[in-house]
Each structure stands twice: as structure tokens, then as C-alpha cells.
Amino acid sequence: MKKGLIVGLLAICVVPCVRPQTPTSAEMKEVAKENEIRQEELVNLEKETVRAIQSNNVGLFRQAYGDDFVGILPSGQAVDKAAWIASVENVGTKYDSFVATDIRVRLFEETAVVTCLWSLRGTKNGHSFSQQLRVIHVYIYGQRGWQAIAAQETLLPG
């Protein structure tokens, strides 16, 4: 009889601790606000990326790209962080216009997948060009903020 009473009391004490707790309205609002801030940061990072490419400024990439970054260029060539920085630094291209639009951010805890459309116009080796690329970046959030760890650029036809 005492064993049954003790087991019953233990069950009453333990069961509330095991039940999943539903977040309060205030907690849900706080999470939504944090996600909105993170999305804004990533949208701004995408816009800063195209400005950095346009001005051949590699400082952003040294800071915002992870040391283990891997990117796939429109040609299909895989590049690491150092090769990416070298390609931006020594591109020999003058951009008249370079913008990121249709920026979409999907958050998965400390990971984000960002897709966008890059539209660029300029001259390379004396020849005018106009291109659009679909771009995807994968970011992780850590002590240094958002770090790009992967990228894929796809040249659109036309």
C-alpha cells in the first residue's frame, strides 16, 4: 500500500515535468521578432555582397564567408574562399549595374538558406554584357555572426 502511494506521488510530481510546454504568446512574439531581425540581416548581407562584387571590395568576403566556404560558379567550377576572393579581386570587369532582387530567406534554427536573383550589366575585356543569375547561399550563425558556407550561381539563359 505504501509502495503504491509513493509511486503515485512520484508520478504526480514527475509527469508535469515531462509534458511539453506550449510557448506563451509573448515567447512566440519574441521568436518572431528575432526571426524578422535575422531575415533583415541576411537580406542586407545579400545586398552588401553584390555591392562588394561591383566595387571589387573583398573585405566583406574575408569577414562574412566561412573558412570552409565552397562555391559553385556559373561555369560549374568549385571554388574555396581564397579562390572566390581572388576571382572578385582580379575580375577585370567594370559593372554599370549590379543588383540583388527577389531575395528569399528560409531560417532553420542557426542555419539559413537565401535565394535571390542577381542582375548585372557592364563590360569585360572591352565587351558589353548583361546577365541574370539565380543564386543560393547557405549561412550558419555563430560567434562571428552569419557566415556563408556554400553558394551556387546559375546563369539564366538570354
Protein backbone atom coordinates (compact mmCIF):
# COMPACT_ATOMS: atom_id res chain seq x y z
CA MET A 1 0.00 0.00 0.00
CA LYS A 2 2.81 2.41 0.90
CA LYS A 3 4.65 1.50 -2.31
CA GLY A 4 1.56 2.35 -4.36
CA LEU A 5 1.17 5.69 -2.57
CA ILE A 6 4.84 6.55 -3.10
CA VAL A 7 4.68 5.61 -6.80
CA GLY A 8 1.51 7.66 -7.21
CA LEU A 9 3.08 10.71 -5.56
CA LEU A 10 6.19 10.37 -7.70
CA ALA A 11 4.04 10.15 -10.84
CA ILE A 12 2.19 13.31 -9.86
CA CYS A 13 5.50 15.15 -9.33
CA VAL A 14 7.28 13.84 -12.42
CA VAL A 15 4.52 13.90 -15.06
CA PRO A 16 4.16 17.74 -15.19
CA CYS A 17 7.93 17.99 -15.79
CA VAL A 18 7.75 15.59 -18.73
CA ARG A 19 4.81 17.24 -20.55
CA PRO A 20 5.89 19.52 -23.39
CA GLN A 21 5.21 23.14 -22.61
CA THR A 22 3.35 25.29 -25.09
CA PRO A 23 5.14 28.58 -25.71
CA THR A 24 3.32 31.62 -24.43
CA SER A 25 2.10 34.33 -26.75
CA ALA A 26 4.91 36.62 -25.54
CA GLU A 27 7.53 33.93 -26.25
CA MET A 28 6.12 33.36 -29.73
CA LYS A 29 6.22 37.10 -30.43
CA GLU A 30 9.84 37.27 -29.24
CA VAL A 31 10.84 34.39 -31.52
CA ALA A 32 9.02 36.01 -34.46
CA LYS A 33 10.81 39.31 -33.77
CA GLU A 34 14.22 37.57 -33.61
CA ASN A 35 13.49 35.77 -36.89
CA GLU A 36 12.48 39.03 -38.53
CA ILE A 37 15.75 40.66 -37.40
CA ARG A 38 17.75 37.68 -38.71
CA GLN A 39 15.95 37.82 -42.04
CA GLU A 40 16.73 41.54 -42.34
CA GLU A 41 20.40 40.86 -41.57
CA LEU A 42 20.54 38.25 -44.32
CA VAL A 43 18.76 40.42 -46.89
CA ASN A 44 21.25 43.20 -46.11
CA LEU A 45 24.14 40.74 -46.40
CA GLU A 46 22.95 39.73 -49.87
CA LYS A 47 22.74 43.38 -50.95
CA GLU A 48 26.19 44.09 -49.48
CA THR A 49 27.55 41.08 -51.37
CA VAL A 50 26.59 42.47 -54.78
CA ARG A 51 27.93 45.92 -53.83
CA ALA A 52 31.22 44.32 -52.79
CA ILE A 53 31.47 42.40 -56.06
CA GLN A 54 30.62 45.53 -58.06
CA SER A 55 33.35 47.53 -56.33
CA ASN A 56 35.86 44.62 -56.17
CA ASN A 57 35.94 45.03 -52.37
CA VAL A 58 36.90 41.68 -50.84
CA GLY A 59 36.77 42.80 -47.20
CA LEU A 60 33.19 41.58 -46.85
CA PHE A 61 34.11 38.10 -48.08
CA ARG A 62 37.02 37.78 -45.67
CA GLN A 63 34.64 38.56 -42.82
CA ALA A 64 31.30 37.07 -43.84
CA TYR A 65 32.44 33.89 -45.61
CA GLY A 66 33.42 30.89 -43.51
CA ASP A 67 36.91 29.45 -43.80
CA ASP A 68 35.39 26.23 -45.15
CA PHE A 69 33.26 28.06 -47.75
CA VAL A 70 32.69 26.31 -51.06
CA GLY A 71 31.02 27.94 -54.03
CA ILE A 72 29.95 26.77 -57.44
CA LEU A 73 30.41 29.35 -60.20
CA PRO A 74 28.07 29.57 -63.23
CA SER A 75 30.72 27.66 -65.19
CA GLY A 76 30.36 24.74 -62.78
CA GLN A 77 33.79 25.33 -61.24
CA ALA A 78 34.02 24.71 -57.49
CA VAL A 79 35.95 27.35 -55.54
CA ASP A 80 37.02 27.73 -51.94
CA LYS A 81 37.09 31.00 -50.00
CA ALA A 82 40.55 32.01 -51.25
CA ALA A 83 39.68 31.32 -54.90
CA TRP A 84 36.38 33.20 -54.53
CA ILE A 85 38.17 36.24 -53.09
CA ALA A 86 40.77 36.10 -55.89
CA SER A 87 38.02 35.95 -58.53
CA VAL A 88 36.32 39.04 -57.08
CA GLU A 89 39.61 40.88 -56.66
CA ASN A 90 41.01 40.18 -60.13
CA VAL A 91 37.87 40.01 -62.19
CA GLY A 92 38.76 42.73 -64.72
CA THR A 93 35.09 43.60 -65.08
CA LYS A 94 33.51 47.05 -64.83
CA TYR A 95 29.92 46.88 -63.64
CA ASP A 96 27.49 49.60 -64.64
CA SER A 97 24.76 47.95 -62.60
CA PHE A 98 24.63 45.01 -60.18
CA VAL A 99 21.58 44.36 -58.01
CA ALA A 100 20.10 41.56 -55.94
CA THR A 101 16.32 41.20 -56.07
CA ASP A 102 13.72 38.55 -55.24
CA ILE A 103 15.63 37.80 -52.01
CA ARG A 104 14.01 34.98 -50.07
CA VAL A 105 15.21 33.81 -46.67
CA ARG A 106 14.39 30.48 -45.04
CA LEU A 107 15.55 30.01 -41.45
CA PHE A 108 16.26 26.66 -39.80
CA GLU A 109 17.43 27.44 -36.26
CA GLU A 110 21.08 28.55 -36.73
CA THR A 111 21.10 27.87 -40.48
CA ALA A 112 19.65 29.95 -43.29
CA VAL A 113 19.13 29.33 -46.98
CA VAL A 114 18.91 32.51 -49.04
CA THR A 115 17.95 32.62 -52.70
CA CYS A 116 17.95 35.67 -54.94
CA LEU A 117 18.22 36.98 -58.47
CA TRP A 118 21.39 38.82 -59.47
CA SER A 119 21.03 41.21 -62.41
CA LEU A 120 24.26 42.69 -63.73
CA ARG A 121 25.39 44.81 -66.62
CA GLY A 122 28.85 46.02 -67.55
CA THR A 123 31.94 45.49 -69.69
CA LYS A 124 34.62 42.83 -69.62
CA ASN A 125 37.67 42.98 -71.86
CA GLY A 126 36.01 45.76 -73.86
CA HIS A 127 32.81 43.77 -74.50
CA SER A 128 29.44 44.78 -73.07
CA PHE A 129 27.38 42.16 -71.26
CA SER A 130 24.09 41.81 -69.42
CA GLN A 131 23.34 38.75 -67.27
CA GLN A 132 20.97 37.36 -64.72
CA LEU A 133 21.88 34.64 -62.28
CA ARG A 134 19.89 32.68 -59.73
CA VAL A 135 21.97 32.44 -56.58
CA ILE A 136 21.64 30.37 -53.43
CA HIS A 137 23.70 30.95 -50.29
CA VAL A 138 23.76 28.76 -47.19
CA TYR A 139 24.65 30.56 -43.96
CA ILE A 140 25.29 29.43 -40.42
CA TYR A 141 25.03 31.67 -37.37
CA GLY A 142 27.90 31.57 -34.89
CA GLN A 143 30.12 33.72 -32.72
CA ARG A 144 31.13 35.85 -35.74
CA GLY A 145 27.52 36.34 -36.87
CA TRP A 146 26.25 34.99 -40.19
CA GLN A 147 28.88 33.12 -42.20
CA ALA A 148 28.32 31.93 -45.77
CA ILE A 149 29.44 28.31 -46.04
CA ALA A 150 28.13 27.43 -49.50
CA ALA A 151 26.96 29.13 -52.69
CA GLN A 152 25.63 28.12 -56.09
CA GLU A 153 25.33 30.52 -59.03
CA THR A 154 23.31 29.57 -62.09
CA LEU A 155 23.43 31.69 -65.25
CA LEU A 156 19.96 32.22 -66.69
CA PRO A 157 19.51 31.91 -70.46
CA GLY A 158 19.16 35.02 -72.58
